Protein backbone atom coordinates (compact mmCIF):
# COMPACT_ATOMS: atom_id res chain seq x y z
CA MET A 1 -27.15 66.91 20.15
CA ALA A 2 -25.61 63.41 19.74
CA GLN A 3 -25.34 61.81 16.30
CA SER A 4 -28.14 58.78 15.69
CA ARG A 5 -26.91 55.53 16.03
CA PRO A 6 -27.29 53.91 12.91
CA HIS A 7 -29.69 50.70 12.23
CA VAL A 8 -28.30 47.41 11.13
CA HIS A 9 -30.81 45.73 8.74
CA SER A 10 -30.97 42.34 9.35
CA ASP A 11 -34.12 39.57 8.30
CA ASP A 12 -34.91 38.27 11.60
CA CYS A 13 -35.84 41.69 12.66
CA PRO A 14 -38.72 40.95 15.68
CA GLY A 15 -40.18 44.56 14.52
CA CYS A 16 -40.16 47.85 16.78
CA HIS A 17 -43.97 47.13 17.77
CA ALA A 18 -43.02 43.91 19.22
CA ALA A 19 -40.53 45.20 21.93
CA PRO A 20 -40.22 48.45 23.10
CA GLU A 21 -36.46 47.75 23.70
CA VAL A 22 -35.49 47.46 20.06
CA ALA A 23 -35.61 51.05 19.63
CA PHE A 24 -32.49 51.75 21.88
CA ALA A 25 -30.80 48.42 20.00
CA ARG A 26 -29.83 47.75 16.71
CA HIS A 27 -32.43 46.34 14.27
CA ASP A 28 -34.06 45.92 10.86
CA HIS A 29 -35.73 49.76 10.97
CA SER A 30 -36.24 49.74 7.26
CA HIS A 31 -38.44 46.32 7.90
CA CYS A 32 -40.32 48.36 11.21
CA SER A 33 -40.83 51.70 9.78
CA GLY A 34 -42.43 50.13 6.74
CA ASP A 35 -44.92 47.58 9.07
CA VAL A 36 -46.12 51.01 11.11
CA LEU A 37 -46.56 52.73 7.53
CA ALA A 38 -48.54 49.63 6.14
CA ARG A 39 -50.48 49.51 8.96
CA ALA A 40 -50.82 53.64 9.47
CA GLU A 41 -52.45 53.31 5.65
CA ALA A 42 -54.98 50.46 6.57
CA LEU A 43 -56.02 52.30 9.77
CA ALA A 44 -56.90 55.39 7.91
CA ASN A 45 -58.46 53.87 4.74
CA ALA A 46 -60.41 52.07 7.39
CA GLN A 47 -61.49 55.28 9.38
CA GLY A 48 -61.99 56.92 6.33
CA ALA A 49 -59.32 59.50 6.94
CA ARG A 50 -56.99 60.68 3.62
CA LEU A 51 -53.50 59.85 4.03
CA THR A 52 -52.75 62.93 1.47
CA PRO A 53 -48.82 62.88 -0.07
CA VAL A 54 -47.81 65.54 2.44
CA ARG A 55 -49.54 63.76 5.53
CA ARG A 56 -47.93 60.64 4.85
CA ARG A 57 -44.76 62.04 4.03
CA VAL A 58 -44.74 63.64 7.36
CA LEU A 59 -45.46 60.35 9.40
CA GLU A 60 -42.59 58.76 6.84
CA ILE A 61 -40.24 61.75 8.60
CA LEU A 62 -41.16 60.68 11.75
CA LEU A 63 -40.59 56.71 10.94
CA GLU A 64 -37.23 57.70 9.94
CA GLU A 65 -35.33 57.13 13.75
CA HIS A 66 -36.84 56.36 16.59
CA ARG A 67 -36.55 60.10 17.79
CA ALA A 68 -39.12 63.04 18.31
CA LEU A 69 -39.48 65.70 16.25
CA GLY A 70 -40.17 69.25 16.79
CA ALA A 71 -42.72 70.80 13.96
CA TYR A 72 -39.99 73.31 12.75
CA ASP A 73 -37.48 70.30 11.75
CA VAL A 74 -40.64 68.31 10.12
CA LEU A 75 -41.96 71.89 8.17
CA GLN A 76 -37.64 72.28 7.02
CA ARG A 77 -38.01 68.61 5.16
CA LEU A 78 -41.04 69.46 4.10
CA ALA A 79 -39.90 72.48 2.46
CA ALA A 80 -36.60 71.00 1.77
CA GLU A 81 -39.11 68.26 -0.59
CA GLY A 82 -41.27 71.01 -2.08
CA PHE A 83 -43.97 71.08 0.09
CA GLY A 84 -44.43 74.43 1.39
CA ASN A 85 -42.56 76.70 4.30
CA GLN A 86 -45.59 77.68 5.43
CA PRO A 87 -45.54 76.68 9.58
CA PRO A 88 -49.46 75.59 8.79
CA VAL A 89 -48.23 72.91 6.35
CA ALA A 90 -46.76 70.93 9.52
CA TYR A 91 -48.70 71.70 11.92
CA ARG A 92 -52.00 70.39 10.12
CA ALA A 93 -50.44 66.64 9.02
CA LEU A 94 -49.03 66.37 12.79
CA ASP A 95 -52.55 67.27 14.04
CA PHE A 96 -54.08 64.83 11.72
CA LEU A 97 -51.69 62.37 12.49
CA VAL A 98 -51.81 62.32 16.29
CA GLU A 99 -55.78 62.91 16.02
CA ASN A 100 -56.02 59.66 14.45
CA GLY A 101 -53.58 57.53 16.57
CA LEU A 102 -50.68 57.69 13.90
CA ALA A 103 -48.83 59.92 15.89
CA HIS A 104 -47.80 60.89 19.53
CA ARG A 105 -47.61 65.07 21.05
CA ILE A 106 -43.83 64.39 23.38
CA ARG A 107 -44.51 67.15 25.54
CA ARG A 108 -41.49 66.68 27.33
CA LEU A 109 -39.87 67.96 24.21
CA ASN A 110 -42.36 70.10 22.33
CA ALA A 111 -42.27 67.70 19.64
CA PHE A 112 -43.68 64.48 17.83
CA ALA A 113 -43.15 60.75 17.38
CA ALA A 114 -44.68 58.07 14.95
CA CYS A 115 -46.90 55.63 17.11
CA MET A 116 -45.62 52.40 16.72
CA HIS A 117 -48.55 50.57 17.34
CA PRO A 118 -51.35 52.65 15.39
CA GLY A 119 -54.49 50.76 15.36
CA GLU A 120 -53.90 49.00 18.57
CA ALA A 121 -55.54 50.18 22.25
CA HIS A 122 -52.56 50.91 24.13
CA ALA A 123 -51.43 53.04 27.01
CA PRO A 124 -47.93 53.75 26.18
CA ALA A 125 -45.27 55.91 28.37
CA PHE A 126 -42.79 57.60 26.68
CA LEU A 127 -39.22 56.57 27.62
CA ILE A 128 -37.25 59.76 26.75
CA CYS A 129 -32.93 59.65 26.45
CA ARG A 130 -32.11 62.92 27.69
CA HIS A 131 -28.88 62.99 25.82
CA CYS A 132 -29.76 61.84 22.23
CA ASN A 133 -33.14 62.28 22.28
CA HIS A 134 -34.23 58.43 20.99
CA VAL A 135 -37.67 57.64 22.46
CA ALA A 136 -39.29 54.59 22.74
CA GLU A 137 -42.84 53.88 23.25
CA ALA A 138 -43.33 51.42 25.82
CA PRO A 139 -46.46 49.41 27.44
CA ALA A 140 -47.97 50.93 30.57
CA ALA A 141 -50.88 49.37 30.93
CA ALA A 142 -50.68 49.22 34.18
CA VAL A 143 -49.68 52.36 34.92
CA ARG A 144 -52.63 53.87 33.42
CA ALA A 145 -54.50 51.05 35.32
CA ALA A 146 -53.49 52.51 39.10
CA LEU A 147 -53.42 56.57 37.24
CA ASP A 148 -57.40 55.30 36.13
CA GLY A 149 -57.73 54.03 40.20
CA ALA A 150 -55.71 57.52 41.88
CA ALA A 151 -58.42 59.66 39.93
CA ALA A 152 -61.68 57.46 39.84
CA GLU A 153 -60.90 57.51 44.09
CA MET A 154 -61.46 61.77 44.12
CA GLY A 155 -64.17 61.45 41.51
CA PHE A 156 -62.08 62.42 38.64
CA LEU A 157 -62.67 60.82 35.03
CA ILE A 158 -59.10 60.67 32.86
CA GLU A 159 -59.96 61.42 29.47
CA ARG A 160 -56.39 61.83 28.06
CA SER A 161 -52.97 60.75 29.55
CA ASN A 162 -49.38 61.42 28.42
CA ILE A 163 -46.84 59.43 30.29
CA GLU A 164 -43.13 60.69 29.75
CA ALA A 165 -39.93 59.24 31.24
CA LEU A 166 -36.64 61.03 31.07
CA GLY A 167 -33.30 59.11 31.27
CA LEU A 168 -30.81 57.09 29.42
CA CYS A 169 -30.58 54.64 26.64
CA PRO A 170 -28.28 51.64 26.99
CA ALA A 171 -26.06 53.23 24.08
CA CYS A 172 -25.96 56.84 26.25
CA ARG A 173 -25.76 54.68 29.73
CA GLY A 174 -22.61 52.71 27.51
CA ALA A 175 -21.27 55.87 26.43
CA GLY A 176 -20.97 56.96 30.07
CA GLU A 177 -23.58 60.04 29.50
């Protein structure tokens, strides 16, 4: 697996939530992850949900990079930091984050990624780089509307969908991958 690219920190970061392509570009990642974490904490408080130290740490781990992580990757990090080494520790925290709209499950990778738009009604498509596994959460309302329309014509009501697209990010395309 390729090494992740370093993020360049600058004062003029538009924030990841402003443009999905930022996940595939150099940007002030500490600003974008800090912003998402603050919004996630506010959302959890507003919903009366408790962002325990383990849940918060799992979200922080997911926010470290625009990369989806498997539950066992998260568990290894938690164990190294003294949060426990049993799989339920990671799975319960990840399930909580997904159920509360703070993370998404990326089925293609059997992994999880932090939601870059916590508290916002959105229908994302996940753009997954097949080389470096970076993930961008792209707006896909038009795709979801088309899917809902096709389902409605068949009398089907979609309750949940997960749209994932596999390809190459700009850096990996530039590297000739």
